[in-house]
Amino acid sequence: MMKNLKIVFILLALTFIIGSCKTKYVKDKPLVVEMKRPVRPGQNYVWLNDNWVFNRKNQTYTRRQGYWAIPKSKKNYQQGYWKTNKNGSHWVPGRWK
């Protein structure tokens, strides 16, 4: 009995992990509302543009506002961008490279 529960739990966990890794496409990109960028807090800071996070509940992307950050050592920030193909559009998040 306990062995069966473990197997069920593992299968559910794998389903969740695989489902969350799948690219989330939308028919229409969300509207971008321009916001005023806050003042730079210091000379060493770089601006990281807004990012978009997929909201499973309503199947849309939610905006995560940009912010100032101190660069990670010897890395540059590649801003996120929208990518469109026959399936629709999806957000490719920004990252340090």
N, C-alpha and C. Protein backbone atom coordinates (compact mmCIF):
# COMPACT_ATOMS: atom_id res chain seq x y z
N MET A 1 0.82 -1.20 0.00
CA MET A 1 0.00 0.00 0.00
C MET A 1 0.86 1.25 0.00
N MET A 2 1.88 1.29 0.88
CA MET A 2 2.75 2.46 0.98
C MET A 2 3.55 2.64 -0.31
N LYS A 3 3.95 1.51 -0.91
CA LYS A 3 4.71 1.56 -2.15
C LYS A 3 3.86 2.18 -3.26
N ASN A 4 2.58 1.84 -3.33
CA ASN A 4 1.66 2.40 -4.32
C ASN A 4 1.51 3.90 -4.14
N LEU A 5 1.42 4.36 -2.90
CA LEU A 5 1.30 5.80 -2.63
C LEU A 5 2.55 6.54 -3.08
N LYS A 6 3.71 5.95 -2.86
CA LYS A 6 4.96 6.57 -3.30
C LYS A 6 4.99 6.70 -4.81
N ILE A 7 4.56 5.67 -5.51
CA ILE A 7 4.54 5.69 -6.97
C ILE A 7 3.58 6.76 -7.47
N VAL A 8 2.41 6.85 -6.88
CA VAL A 8 1.43 7.87 -7.26
C VAL A 8 2.00 9.26 -7.01
N PHE A 9 2.62 9.47 -5.88
CA PHE A 9 3.21 10.76 -5.55
C PHE A 9 4.30 11.13 -6.56
N ILE A 10 5.16 10.19 -6.90
CA ILE A 10 6.24 10.44 -7.86
C ILE A 10 5.66 10.80 -9.23
N LEU A 11 4.64 10.07 -9.67
CA LEU A 11 4.01 10.37 -10.96
C LEU A 11 3.36 11.75 -10.97
N LEU A 12 2.70 12.13 -9.89
CA LEU A 12 2.11 13.47 -9.80
C LEU A 12 3.18 14.54 -9.83
N ALA A 13 4.26 14.32 -9.11
CA ALA A 13 5.36 15.30 -9.08
C ALA A 13 5.97 15.45 -10.47
N LEU A 14 6.20 14.36 -11.16
CA LEU A 14 6.76 14.42 -12.52
C LEU A 14 5.82 15.14 -13.48
N THR A 15 4.52 14.88 -13.37
CA THR A 15 3.53 15.55 -14.21
C THR A 15 3.57 17.05 -13.98
N PHE A 16 3.66 17.46 -12.73
CA PHE A 16 3.72 18.89 -12.40
C PHE A 16 4.99 19.51 -12.96
N ILE A 17 6.12 18.85 -12.80
CA ILE A 17 7.40 19.39 -13.26
C ILE A 17 7.41 19.51 -14.78
N ILE A 18 6.98 18.49 -15.46
CA ILE A 18 6.96 18.51 -16.93
C ILE A 18 5.99 19.58 -17.42
N GLY A 19 4.83 19.68 -16.80
CA GLY A 19 3.84 20.68 -17.20
C GLY A 19 4.32 22.11 -16.98
N SER A 20 5.08 22.33 -15.93
CA SER A 20 5.55 23.68 -15.64
C SER A 20 6.70 24.09 -16.56
N CYS A 21 7.38 23.14 -17.16
CA CYS A 21 8.48 23.44 -18.07
C CYS A 21 8.00 23.73 -19.49
N LYS A 22 6.81 23.35 -19.80
CA LYS A 22 6.27 23.53 -21.14
C LYS A 22 6.13 25.02 -21.45
N THR A 23 6.51 25.42 -22.67
CA THR A 23 6.40 26.81 -23.08
C THR A 23 4.93 27.21 -23.12
N LYS A 24 4.63 28.38 -22.56
CA LYS A 24 3.26 28.87 -22.47
C LYS A 24 3.02 29.91 -23.56
N TYR A 25 2.18 29.57 -24.54
CA TYR A 25 1.88 30.46 -25.65
C TYR A 25 0.57 31.20 -25.42
N VAL A 26 0.52 32.44 -25.92
CA VAL A 26 -0.72 33.21 -25.91
C VAL A 26 -0.95 33.73 -27.32
N LYS A 27 -2.21 33.94 -27.66
CA LYS A 27 -2.56 34.44 -28.99
C LYS A 27 -2.10 35.89 -29.15
N ASP A 28 -2.39 36.71 -28.13
CA ASP A 28 -2.03 38.13 -28.18
C ASP A 28 -1.10 38.48 -27.04
N LYS A 29 -0.03 39.21 -27.35
CA LYS A 29 0.88 39.68 -26.31
C LYS A 29 0.14 40.70 -25.45
N PRO A 30 0.45 40.76 -24.15
CA PRO A 30 -0.21 41.76 -23.31
C PRO A 30 0.22 43.18 -23.70
N LEU A 31 -0.65 44.13 -23.41
CA LEU A 31 -0.33 45.53 -23.69
C LEU A 31 0.74 46.01 -22.73
N VAL A 32 1.65 46.79 -23.25
CA VAL A 32 2.73 47.34 -22.42
C VAL A 32 2.37 48.78 -22.07
N VAL A 33 2.32 49.06 -20.79
CA VAL A 33 2.07 50.41 -20.31
C VAL A 33 3.41 50.97 -19.87
N GLU A 34 3.83 52.06 -20.50
CA GLU A 34 5.12 52.65 -20.16
C GLU A 34 5.05 53.26 -18.77
N MET A 35 6.05 52.95 -17.95
CA MET A 35 6.14 53.51 -16.61
C MET A 35 7.45 54.26 -16.49
N LYS A 36 7.44 55.28 -15.65
CA LYS A 36 8.65 56.07 -15.45
C LYS A 36 9.66 55.25 -14.64
N ARG A 37 10.89 55.20 -15.15
CA ARG A 37 11.96 54.46 -14.48
C ARG A 37 12.41 55.25 -13.25
N PRO A 38 12.52 54.58 -12.11
CA PRO A 38 13.00 55.29 -10.91
C PRO A 38 14.46 55.72 -11.06
N VAL A 39 14.86 56.67 -10.24
CA VAL A 39 16.23 57.17 -10.27
C VAL A 39 17.21 56.06 -9.92
N ARG A 40 18.33 56.02 -10.62
CA ARG A 40 19.36 55.01 -10.36
C ARG A 40 19.89 55.18 -8.93
N PRO A 41 19.90 54.10 -8.15
CA PRO A 41 20.32 54.22 -6.75
C PRO A 41 21.83 54.38 -6.57
N GLY A 42 22.62 54.08 -7.59
CA GLY A 42 24.07 54.20 -7.49
C GLY A 42 24.71 54.00 -8.85
N GLN A 43 25.96 54.38 -8.97
CA GLN A 43 26.69 54.32 -10.25
C GLN A 43 26.82 52.90 -10.79
N ASN A 44 26.92 51.90 -9.94
CA ASN A 44 27.18 50.52 -10.38
C ASN A 44 25.93 49.76 -10.81
N TYR A 45 24.75 50.37 -10.71
CA TYR A 45 23.50 49.66 -10.99
C TYR A 45 23.18 49.67 -12.49
N VAL A 46 22.55 48.59 -12.95
CA VAL A 46 22.03 48.51 -14.32
C VAL A 46 20.52 48.24 -14.24
N TRP A 47 19.81 48.72 -15.25
CA TRP A 47 18.36 48.55 -15.29
C TRP A 47 18.00 47.21 -15.94
N LEU A 48 17.17 46.44 -15.26
CA LEU A 48 16.64 45.19 -15.81
C LEU A 48 15.19 45.46 -16.19
N ASN A 49 14.90 45.40 -17.48
CA ASN A 49 13.55 45.71 -17.96
C ASN A 49 12.50 44.79 -17.36
N ASP A 50 11.24 45.18 -17.58
CA ASP A 50 10.11 44.36 -17.13
C ASP A 50 10.26 42.93 -17.63
N ASN A 51 9.73 42.01 -16.87
CA ASN A 51 9.63 40.61 -17.28
C ASN A 51 8.17 40.22 -17.22
N TRP A 52 7.83 39.16 -17.87
CA TRP A 52 6.46 38.66 -17.89
C TRP A 52 6.45 37.24 -17.33
N VAL A 53 5.49 36.97 -16.45
CA VAL A 53 5.36 35.66 -15.81
C VAL A 53 4.02 35.07 -16.21
N PHE A 54 4.01 33.80 -16.61
CA PHE A 54 2.76 33.18 -17.05
C PHE A 54 1.88 32.87 -15.84
N ASN A 55 0.62 33.30 -15.93
CA ASN A 55 -0.36 33.07 -14.88
C ASN A 55 -1.25 31.91 -15.33
N ARG A 56 -1.06 30.76 -14.70
CA ARG A 56 -1.82 29.56 -15.11
C ARG A 56 -3.32 29.70 -14.90
N LYS A 57 -3.69 30.46 -13.87
CA LYS A 57 -5.11 30.58 -13.53
C LYS A 57 -5.93 31.17 -14.69
N ASN A 58 -5.44 32.27 -15.27
CA ASN A 58 -6.21 32.88 -16.36
C ASN A 58 -5.52 32.76 -17.72
N GLN A 59 -4.43 31.96 -17.79
CA GLN A 59 -3.74 31.67 -19.04
C GLN A 59 -3.25 32.93 -19.76
N THR A 60 -2.73 33.88 -18.99
CA THR A 60 -2.16 35.10 -19.56
C THR A 60 -0.82 35.37 -18.88
N TYR A 61 -0.11 36.34 -19.40
CA TYR A 61 1.13 36.77 -18.78
C TYR A 61 0.86 37.98 -17.89
N THR A 62 1.53 38.00 -16.74
CA THR A 62 1.44 39.10 -15.79
C THR A 62 2.78 39.82 -15.78
N ARG A 63 2.71 41.13 -15.78
CA ARG A 63 3.93 41.93 -15.83
C ARG A 63 4.62 41.97 -14.47
N ARG A 64 5.93 41.79 -14.48
CA ARG A 64 6.76 41.98 -13.29
C ARG A 64 7.64 43.18 -13.60
N GLN A 65 7.43 44.25 -12.85
CA GLN A 65 8.07 45.53 -13.12
C GLN A 65 9.60 45.44 -13.09
N GLY A 66 10.26 46.22 -13.95
CA GLY A 66 11.71 46.27 -14.00
C GLY A 66 12.29 46.87 -12.72
N TYR A 67 13.60 46.73 -12.57
CA TYR A 67 14.24 47.23 -11.36
C TYR A 67 15.74 47.42 -11.60
N TRP A 68 16.37 48.18 -10.71
CA TRP A 68 17.82 48.38 -10.74
C TRP A 68 18.49 47.23 -10.01
N ALA A 69 19.63 46.78 -10.53
CA ALA A 69 20.38 45.68 -9.89
C ALA A 69 21.87 45.90 -10.10
N ILE A 70 22.63 45.38 -9.18
CA ILE A 70 24.08 45.39 -9.33
C ILE A 70 24.45 44.16 -10.15
N PRO A 71 25.22 44.35 -11.23
CA PRO A 71 25.55 43.20 -12.09
C PRO A 71 26.29 42.10 -11.33
N LYS A 72 26.00 40.88 -11.73
CA LYS A 72 26.74 39.75 -11.19
C LYS A 72 28.15 39.83 -11.77
N SER A 73 29.13 39.36 -11.04
CA SER A 73 30.52 39.54 -11.45
C SER A 73 30.79 39.05 -12.87
N LYS A 74 31.35 39.94 -13.65
CA LYS A 74 31.78 39.67 -15.03
C LYS A 74 30.67 39.12 -15.92
N LYS A 75 29.44 39.46 -15.64
CA LYS A 75 28.33 39.00 -16.46
C LYS A 75 27.54 40.20 -16.98
N ASN A 76 26.94 40.03 -18.16
CA ASN A 76 26.07 41.05 -18.74
C ASN A 76 24.65 40.54 -18.70
N TYR A 77 23.70 41.46 -18.60
CA TYR A 77 22.30 41.06 -18.56
C TYR A 77 21.71 41.11 -19.96
N GLN A 78 21.13 40.01 -20.40
CA GLN A 78 20.43 39.95 -21.68
C GLN A 78 18.96 40.17 -21.38
N GLN A 79 18.39 41.27 -21.87
CA GLN A 79 17.00 41.60 -21.60
C GLN A 79 16.07 40.53 -22.18
N GLY A 80 14.92 40.34 -21.55
CA GLY A 80 13.92 39.40 -22.05
C GLY A 80 13.26 39.93 -23.31
N TYR A 81 12.56 39.06 -24.02
CA TYR A 81 11.90 39.47 -25.26
C TYR A 81 10.76 38.51 -25.59
N TRP A 82 9.84 38.99 -26.44
CA TRP A 82 8.74 38.16 -26.93
C TRP A 82 9.20 37.42 -28.17
N LYS A 83 8.85 36.14 -28.23
CA LYS A 83 9.16 35.31 -29.40
C LYS A 83 7.83 34.79 -29.95
N THR A 84 7.65 34.91 -31.24
CA THR A 84 6.38 34.51 -31.87
C THR A 84 6.65 33.45 -32.93
N ASN A 85 5.78 32.45 -32.97
CA ASN A 85 5.83 31.44 -34.02
C ASN A 85 4.41 31.00 -34.33
N LYS A 86 4.25 29.90 -35.03
CA LYS A 86 2.90 29.45 -35.43
C LYS A 86 1.99 29.13 -34.25
N ASN A 87 2.57 28.83 -33.07
CA ASN A 87 1.77 28.51 -31.88
C ASN A 87 1.26 29.74 -31.13
N GLY A 88 1.85 30.90 -31.43
CA GLY A 88 1.49 32.12 -30.73
C GLY A 88 2.76 32.81 -30.24
N SER A 89 2.62 33.57 -29.16
CA SER A 89 3.76 34.29 -28.60
C SER A 89 4.06 33.79 -27.19
N HIS A 90 5.33 33.81 -26.84
CA HIS A 90 5.71 33.46 -25.47
C HIS A 90 6.89 34.34 -25.05
N TRP A 91 7.02 34.55 -23.76
CA TRP A 91 8.05 35.39 -23.21
C TRP A 91 9.32 34.58 -22.94
N VAL A 92 10.44 35.10 -23.42
CA VAL A 92 11.75 34.52 -23.11
C VAL A 92 12.36 35.42 -22.05
N PRO A 93 12.48 34.95 -20.81
CA PRO A 93 12.92 35.82 -19.72
C PRO A 93 14.38 36.30 -19.87
N GLY A 94 14.64 37.46 -19.30
CA GLY A 94 16.00 37.98 -19.28
C GLY A 94 16.88 37.12 -18.39
N ARG A 95 18.21 37.21 -18.63
CA ARG A 95 19.12 36.40 -17.82
C ARG A 95 20.52 36.99 -17.84
N TRP A 96 21.30 36.61 -16.87
CA TRP A 96 22.70 37.00 -16.82
C TRP A 96 23.52 36.04 -17.64
N LYS A 97 24.42 36.58 -18.48
CA LYS A 97 25.29 35.73 -19.33
C LYS A 97 26.73 36.13 -19.11
